[in-house]
Amino acid sequence: MKFPDFLRLILLAAIWGASYIFLRIASPVLAPAFLIELRVGLAGIALVLYALVARKHFKSDGRILPFFIVGALNSAIPFTLISTATIHLTASYGAVINSTTPLFTALVAAIWLKDSLSWRRGAGLLMGLIGVVVLVGLSPLPLSGEVILSIVFALVASLCFGISGVYIKLALRNTTSLTLATWQQLTASLLLLPLAATGVPATFPSWEVVVSVLGLAFLSTSIGYLLFFRLIQSVGPTRTSTVTFLVPVFSIVWGMLFLNESVSLGMLLGFGIVLASVVLVTELKFRQPKSL
């Protein structure tokens, strides 16, 4: 990986890690569906404008239903669940739970696509489950009903991402990343519109919340996806997927710096176990340095 691409990878992880900070600020103030409607709607408009200015193709080619399914599974449902969860979970805690997404993807692929589940990947899935148990059991948060439900919401969101990833491989294999991302946000916006209409705030929110919404839409979603596309084109999808390992790290750092969040030993231990399990499940291989 060339140094400019490495910098893009770090920047993407920092941006996506910040999304949990934005959610933590905006979610307690705005209704989850309304907040995510703003996020995906503004992001979709920004991506359309970018495609028009850059003269990029993003036509649906008549495949409306698959895009609606992806919009639901990869944006509308999981984003709303994560937004709801971050009302009671810290930003760093939510990001660490979301790092289980590759585990759910591997599990769904094994069931749906009949992908072979080697002993290494099977051990990784088991280790991931143990990591989640450690996260919950050693949580610095009081395990009230609201916190437990929020953890379940965050895990279901990761499952949605996993199902969506497999569905995209089946139904939208030859679709460009820009087309997929643009229609994903637009269809998610349409799906959320009826529910979002019931959550319009009675008063204008604080500027802190407004900045968080704009950060979610333009920084975390629009710019984040553009960096993601560039990395896929430059270094391929496998290396780009390593951003999953870095997002929780940045979320923990941002949470400590901007929200005064504390990080417990149990959270670090649980994240370490989940990270190791993701390496096993994705069968990530590290190159040996060449001898001089």
Protein backbone atom coordinates (compact mmCIF):
# COMPACT_ATOMS: atom_id res chain seq x y z
CA MET A 1 0.00 0.00 0.00
CA LYS A 2 1.44 3.35 -1.04
CA PHE A 3 1.77 6.10 1.56
CA PRO A 4 -1.04 8.33 0.11
CA ASP A 5 -3.42 5.35 0.25
CA PHE A 6 -2.31 4.61 3.80
CA LEU A 7 -3.15 8.20 4.75
CA ARG A 8 -6.56 7.84 3.09
CA LEU A 9 -7.19 4.66 5.10
CA ILE A 10 -6.31 6.42 8.36
CA LEU A 11 -8.46 9.44 7.42
CA LEU A 12 -11.42 7.18 6.60
CA ALA A 13 -11.13 5.40 9.94
CA ALA A 14 -10.94 8.75 11.74
CA ILE A 15 -14.03 10.02 9.89
CA TRP A 16 -16.09 6.90 10.50
CA GLY A 17 -14.94 6.79 14.11
CA ALA A 18 -16.23 10.34 14.52
CA SER A 19 -19.70 9.28 13.35
CA TYR A 20 -20.32 7.72 16.78
CA ILE A 21 -19.43 11.05 18.41
CA PHE A 22 -21.91 12.85 16.18
CA LEU A 23 -24.57 10.25 16.99
CA ARG A 24 -23.89 10.49 20.71
CA ILE A 25 -24.48 14.26 20.56
CA ALA A 26 -27.51 14.30 18.25
CA SER A 27 -29.38 11.10 19.20
CA PRO A 28 -30.59 12.22 22.65
CA VAL A 29 -32.05 15.38 21.08
CA LEU A 30 -33.51 14.26 17.73
CA ALA A 31 -35.78 11.29 17.15
CA PRO A 32 -33.66 8.45 15.67
CA ALA A 33 -35.67 8.12 12.44
CA PHE A 34 -35.65 11.89 11.88
CA LEU A 35 -31.90 12.09 12.54
CA ILE A 36 -31.10 9.27 10.11
CA GLU A 37 -33.49 10.74 7.53
CA LEU A 38 -31.39 13.90 7.61
CA ARG A 39 -28.19 11.86 7.43
CA VAL A 40 -29.08 9.69 4.43
CA GLY A 41 -31.14 12.36 2.66
CA LEU A 42 -28.42 15.01 2.74
CA ALA A 43 -25.74 12.43 1.94
CA GLY A 44 -27.75 11.13 -1.02
CA ILE A 45 -28.18 14.65 -2.42
CA ALA A 46 -24.45 15.32 -1.99
CA LEU A 47 -23.53 12.09 -3.79
CA VAL A 48 -25.90 12.90 -6.67
CA LEU A 49 -24.35 16.37 -7.02
CA TYR A 50 -20.87 14.86 -6.96
CA ALA A 51 -21.82 12.32 -9.64
CA LEU A 52 -23.29 15.05 -11.85
CA VAL A 53 -20.29 17.37 -11.47
CA ALA A 54 -17.80 14.54 -12.01
CA ARG A 55 -19.96 13.10 -14.80
CA LYS A 56 -20.12 9.71 -13.13
CA HIS A 57 -22.75 7.12 -14.02
CA PHE A 58 -25.23 6.28 -11.24
CA LYS A 59 -28.37 5.10 -13.07
CA SER A 60 -30.34 2.30 -11.44
CA ASP A 61 -30.80 0.42 -14.75
CA GLY A 62 -34.28 -0.59 -13.60
CA ARG A 63 -33.09 -2.50 -10.51
CA ILE A 64 -35.22 -0.56 -8.04
CA LEU A 65 -36.21 -3.39 -5.66
CA PRO A 66 -32.62 -4.54 -4.94
CA PHE A 67 -31.62 -0.96 -4.18
CA PHE A 68 -34.55 -0.59 -1.77
CA ILE A 69 -33.53 -3.83 -0.03
CA VAL A 70 -29.95 -2.58 0.32
CA GLY A 71 -31.20 0.84 1.42
CA ALA A 72 -33.19 -0.84 4.18
CA LEU A 73 -30.53 -3.35 5.31
CA ASN A 74 -27.43 -1.22 4.89
CA SER A 75 -28.71 2.23 5.93
CA ALA A 76 -32.27 2.76 7.13
CA ILE A 77 -32.58 -0.08 9.66
CA PRO A 78 -29.01 -0.32 11.05
CA PHE A 79 -28.42 3.44 11.17
CA THR A 80 -31.69 3.93 13.07
CA LEU A 81 -30.86 1.09 15.47
CA ILE A 82 -27.38 2.48 16.12
CA SER A 83 -28.81 5.97 16.62
CA THR A 84 -31.26 4.56 19.18
CA ALA A 85 -28.52 2.54 20.89
CA THR A 86 -26.16 5.50 21.31
CA ILE A 87 -28.73 7.26 23.47
CA HIS A 88 -27.70 4.87 26.27
CA LEU A 89 -24.29 3.61 25.09
CA THR A 90 -21.08 5.60 24.92
CA ALA A 91 -19.69 6.37 21.47
CA SER A 92 -16.67 4.11 21.96
CA TYR A 93 -18.79 1.23 23.28
CA GLY A 94 -21.11 1.42 20.28
CA ALA A 95 -18.17 1.44 17.86
CA VAL A 96 -16.58 -1.60 19.49
CA ILE A 97 -19.84 -3.56 19.22
CA ASN A 98 -20.15 -2.55 15.57
CA SER A 99 -16.71 -4.06 14.92
CA THR A 100 -18.46 -7.45 15.03
CA THR A 101 -19.89 -6.78 11.53
CA PRO A 102 -17.32 -8.99 9.71
CA LEU A 103 -18.25 -11.87 12.03
CA PHE A 104 -21.93 -11.62 11.10
CA THR A 105 -20.99 -11.30 7.43
CA ALA A 106 -18.99 -14.53 7.59
CA LEU A 107 -21.80 -16.33 9.43
CA VAL A 108 -24.48 -15.19 6.97
CA ALA A 109 -22.25 -16.13 4.02
CA ALA A 110 -21.70 -19.60 5.48
CA ILE A 111 -25.46 -20.16 5.83
CA TRP A 112 -26.74 -18.37 2.72
CA LEU A 113 -23.93 -18.85 0.21
CA LYS A 114 -22.81 -22.21 1.62
CA ASP A 115 -19.31 -20.78 2.02
CA SER A 116 -17.01 -23.31 3.61
CA LEU A 117 -16.44 -22.61 7.29
CA SER A 118 -12.89 -23.68 8.10
CA TRP A 119 -11.81 -24.50 11.62
CA ARG A 120 -10.04 -21.15 11.72
CA ARG A 121 -13.16 -19.20 10.78
CA GLY A 122 -15.30 -21.30 13.12
CA ALA A 123 -12.89 -20.60 15.97
CA GLY A 124 -13.01 -16.92 15.05
CA LEU A 125 -16.81 -16.83 15.28
CA LEU A 126 -16.70 -18.51 18.68
CA MET A 127 -14.02 -16.09 19.84
CA GLY A 128 -16.14 -13.18 18.60
CA LEU A 129 -19.06 -14.42 20.69
CA ILE A 130 -16.77 -14.61 23.71
CA GLY A 131 -15.58 -11.07 22.99
CA VAL A 132 -19.15 -9.76 23.00
CA VAL A 133 -19.85 -11.59 26.27
CA VAL A 134 -16.75 -10.01 27.81
CA LEU A 135 -17.82 -6.58 26.54
CA VAL A 136 -21.26 -6.94 28.09
CA GLY A 137 -20.15 -8.69 31.28
CA LEU A 138 -17.33 -6.23 32.04
CA SER A 139 -19.18 -3.17 30.79
CA PRO A 140 -18.51 0.07 32.69
CA LEU A 141 -22.18 0.91 32.12
CA PRO A 142 -24.86 -0.31 34.53
CA LEU A 143 -26.61 -3.24 32.85
CA SER A 144 -30.11 -1.81 33.02
CA GLY A 145 -32.87 -2.92 30.70
CA GLU A 146 -32.25 0.11 28.48
CA VAL A 147 -28.52 -0.63 28.17
CA ILE A 148 -29.08 -4.32 27.39
CA LEU A 149 -31.70 -3.43 24.76
CA SER A 150 -29.28 -0.90 23.26
CA ILE A 151 -26.58 -3.58 23.02
CA VAL A 152 -29.07 -5.86 21.26
CA PHE A 153 -29.96 -3.03 18.84
CA ALA A 154 -26.26 -2.49 18.06
CA LEU A 155 -25.73 -6.21 17.43
CA VAL A 156 -28.82 -6.42 15.20
CA ALA A 157 -27.44 -3.46 13.24
CA SER A 158 -24.21 -5.41 12.69
CA LEU A 159 -26.29 -8.38 11.55
CA CYS A 160 -28.12 -6.14 9.06
CA PHE A 161 -24.79 -4.98 7.64
CA GLY A 162 -23.73 -8.62 7.33
CA ILE A 163 -26.91 -9.67 5.51
CA SER A 164 -26.66 -6.66 3.23
CA GLY A 165 -23.07 -7.46 2.30
CA VAL A 166 -24.04 -10.96 1.21
CA TYR A 167 -27.14 -9.73 -0.63
CA ILE A 168 -25.09 -7.17 -2.56
CA LYS A 169 -22.74 -9.96 -3.64
CA LEU A 170 -25.73 -11.91 -4.96
CA ALA A 171 -27.99 -9.24 -6.45
CA LEU A 172 -25.76 -6.26 -7.30
CA ARG A 173 -22.44 -7.88 -8.07
CA ASN A 174 -21.56 -5.71 -11.09
CA THR A 175 -22.86 -2.40 -9.70
CA THR A 176 -20.33 0.39 -9.24
CA SER A 177 -19.64 1.56 -5.70
CA LEU A 178 -20.85 5.10 -6.42
CA THR A 179 -24.13 3.86 -7.93
CA LEU A 180 -24.71 1.53 -5.01
CA ALA A 181 -23.94 4.14 -2.36
CA THR A 182 -26.01 6.86 -4.03
CA TRP A 183 -29.12 4.72 -4.46
CA GLN A 184 -28.62 3.20 -1.03
CA GLN A 185 -28.92 6.63 0.60
CA LEU A 186 -31.79 7.80 -1.63
CA THR A 187 -33.90 4.66 -1.09
CA ALA A 188 -33.18 4.70 2.63
CA SER A 189 -34.38 8.30 2.73
CA LEU A 190 -37.66 7.34 1.04
CA LEU A 191 -38.17 4.39 3.40
CA LEU A 192 -37.61 6.52 6.50
CA LEU A 193 -39.65 9.52 5.37
CA PRO A 194 -43.06 8.45 6.84
CA LEU A 195 -41.53 7.59 10.22
CA ALA A 196 -39.26 10.62 10.23
CA ALA A 197 -42.23 12.92 9.63
CA THR A 198 -43.60 11.97 13.06
CA GLY A 199 -40.35 12.97 14.79
CA VAL A 200 -39.88 16.54 13.61
CA PRO A 201 -38.64 18.53 16.65
CA ALA A 202 -40.89 21.26 18.01
CA THR A 203 -37.97 23.66 18.48
CA PHE A 204 -34.80 24.28 16.52
CA PRO A 205 -31.95 22.21 18.01
CA SER A 206 -28.70 23.67 19.29
CA TRP A 207 -25.88 24.45 16.90
CA GLU A 208 -23.91 21.59 18.44
CA VAL A 209 -26.61 19.19 17.23
CA VAL A 210 -26.81 20.89 13.82
CA VAL A 211 -23.05 20.53 13.33
CA SER A 212 -23.30 16.86 14.35
CA VAL A 213 -26.04 16.23 11.77
CA LEU A 214 -24.02 17.93 9.05
CA GLY A 215 -20.96 15.96 10.12
CA LEU A 216 -22.90 12.70 9.87
CA ALA A 217 -24.28 13.51 6.43
CA PHE A 218 -21.39 15.16 4.64
CA LEU A 219 -18.29 13.99 6.51
CA SER A 220 -19.14 10.48 7.74
CA THR A 221 -21.34 9.47 4.81
CA SER A 222 -20.61 11.48 1.65
CA ILE A 223 -16.88 12.13 2.05
CA GLY A 224 -16.43 8.81 3.84
CA TYR A 225 -17.88 6.91 0.89
CA LEU A 226 -15.79 8.85 -1.62
CA LEU A 227 -12.63 7.91 0.29
CA PHE A 228 -13.90 4.35 0.47
CA PHE A 229 -14.40 4.23 -3.32
CA ARG A 230 -10.94 5.66 -3.96
CA LEU A 231 -9.31 3.07 -1.70
CA ILE A 232 -11.15 0.19 -3.36
CA GLN A 233 -9.92 1.41 -6.75
CA SER A 234 -6.35 1.87 -5.50
CA VAL A 235 -5.68 -1.05 -3.17
CA GLY A 236 -8.67 -3.37 -3.60
CA PRO A 237 -11.56 -4.37 -1.31
CA THR A 238 -9.58 -6.71 0.96
CA ARG A 239 -7.05 -4.14 2.12
CA THR A 240 -9.74 -1.47 2.30
CA SER A 241 -11.77 -3.68 4.68
CA THR A 242 -9.01 -3.34 7.30
CA VAL A 243 -10.56 0.04 8.13
CA THR A 244 -12.95 -2.01 10.29
CA PHE A 245 -10.10 -2.61 12.73
CA LEU A 246 -9.25 1.08 13.04
CA VAL A 247 -12.69 2.69 13.43
CA PRO A 248 -13.21 1.67 17.10
CA VAL A 249 -9.71 2.92 17.96
CA PHE A 250 -10.53 6.40 16.66
CA SER A 251 -13.98 6.33 18.24
CA ILE A 252 -12.40 5.58 21.62
CA VAL A 253 -9.90 8.43 21.15
CA TRP A 254 -12.57 10.93 19.99
CA GLY A 255 -14.84 9.90 22.87
CA MET A 256 -12.10 10.54 25.41
CA LEU A 257 -11.10 13.88 23.84
CA PHE A 258 -14.49 15.44 23.09
CA LEU A 259 -17.02 13.68 25.35
CA ASN A 260 -14.81 12.88 28.36
CA GLU A 261 -15.69 9.21 28.03
CA SER A 262 -13.74 6.71 30.10
CA VAL A 263 -12.43 3.44 28.71
CA SER A 264 -12.50 0.42 31.01
CA LEU A 265 -10.12 -2.52 31.01
CA GLY A 266 -13.07 -4.77 30.18
CA MET A 267 -13.85 -2.74 27.05
CA LEU A 268 -10.24 -2.95 25.87
CA LEU A 269 -10.13 -6.68 26.61
CA GLY A 270 -13.40 -7.30 24.79
CA PHE A 271 -12.27 -5.24 21.81
CA GLY A 272 -8.98 -7.15 21.69
CA ILE A 273 -10.83 -10.47 21.59
CA VAL A 274 -13.25 -9.23 18.90
CA LEU A 275 -10.33 -7.85 16.86
CA ALA A 276 -8.50 -11.18 17.04
CA SER A 277 -11.67 -13.02 16.03
CA VAL A 278 -12.15 -10.73 13.01
CA VAL A 279 -8.59 -11.48 11.89
CA LEU A 280 -9.37 -15.22 12.10
CA VAL A 281 -12.75 -15.00 10.37
CA THR A 282 -11.54 -12.79 7.52
CA GLU A 283 -8.41 -14.95 7.25
CA LEU A 284 -6.29 -11.82 7.09
CA LYS A 285 -2.71 -12.63 6.20
CA PHE A 286 0.23 -10.46 7.07
CA ARG A 287 3.09 -10.34 4.61
CA GLN A 288 6.52 -11.27 5.85
CA PRO A 289 9.10 -8.52 5.25
CA LYS A 290 11.54 -9.30 2.49
CA SER A 291 15.04 -10.10 3.62
CA LEU A 292 17.74 -7.71 2.51
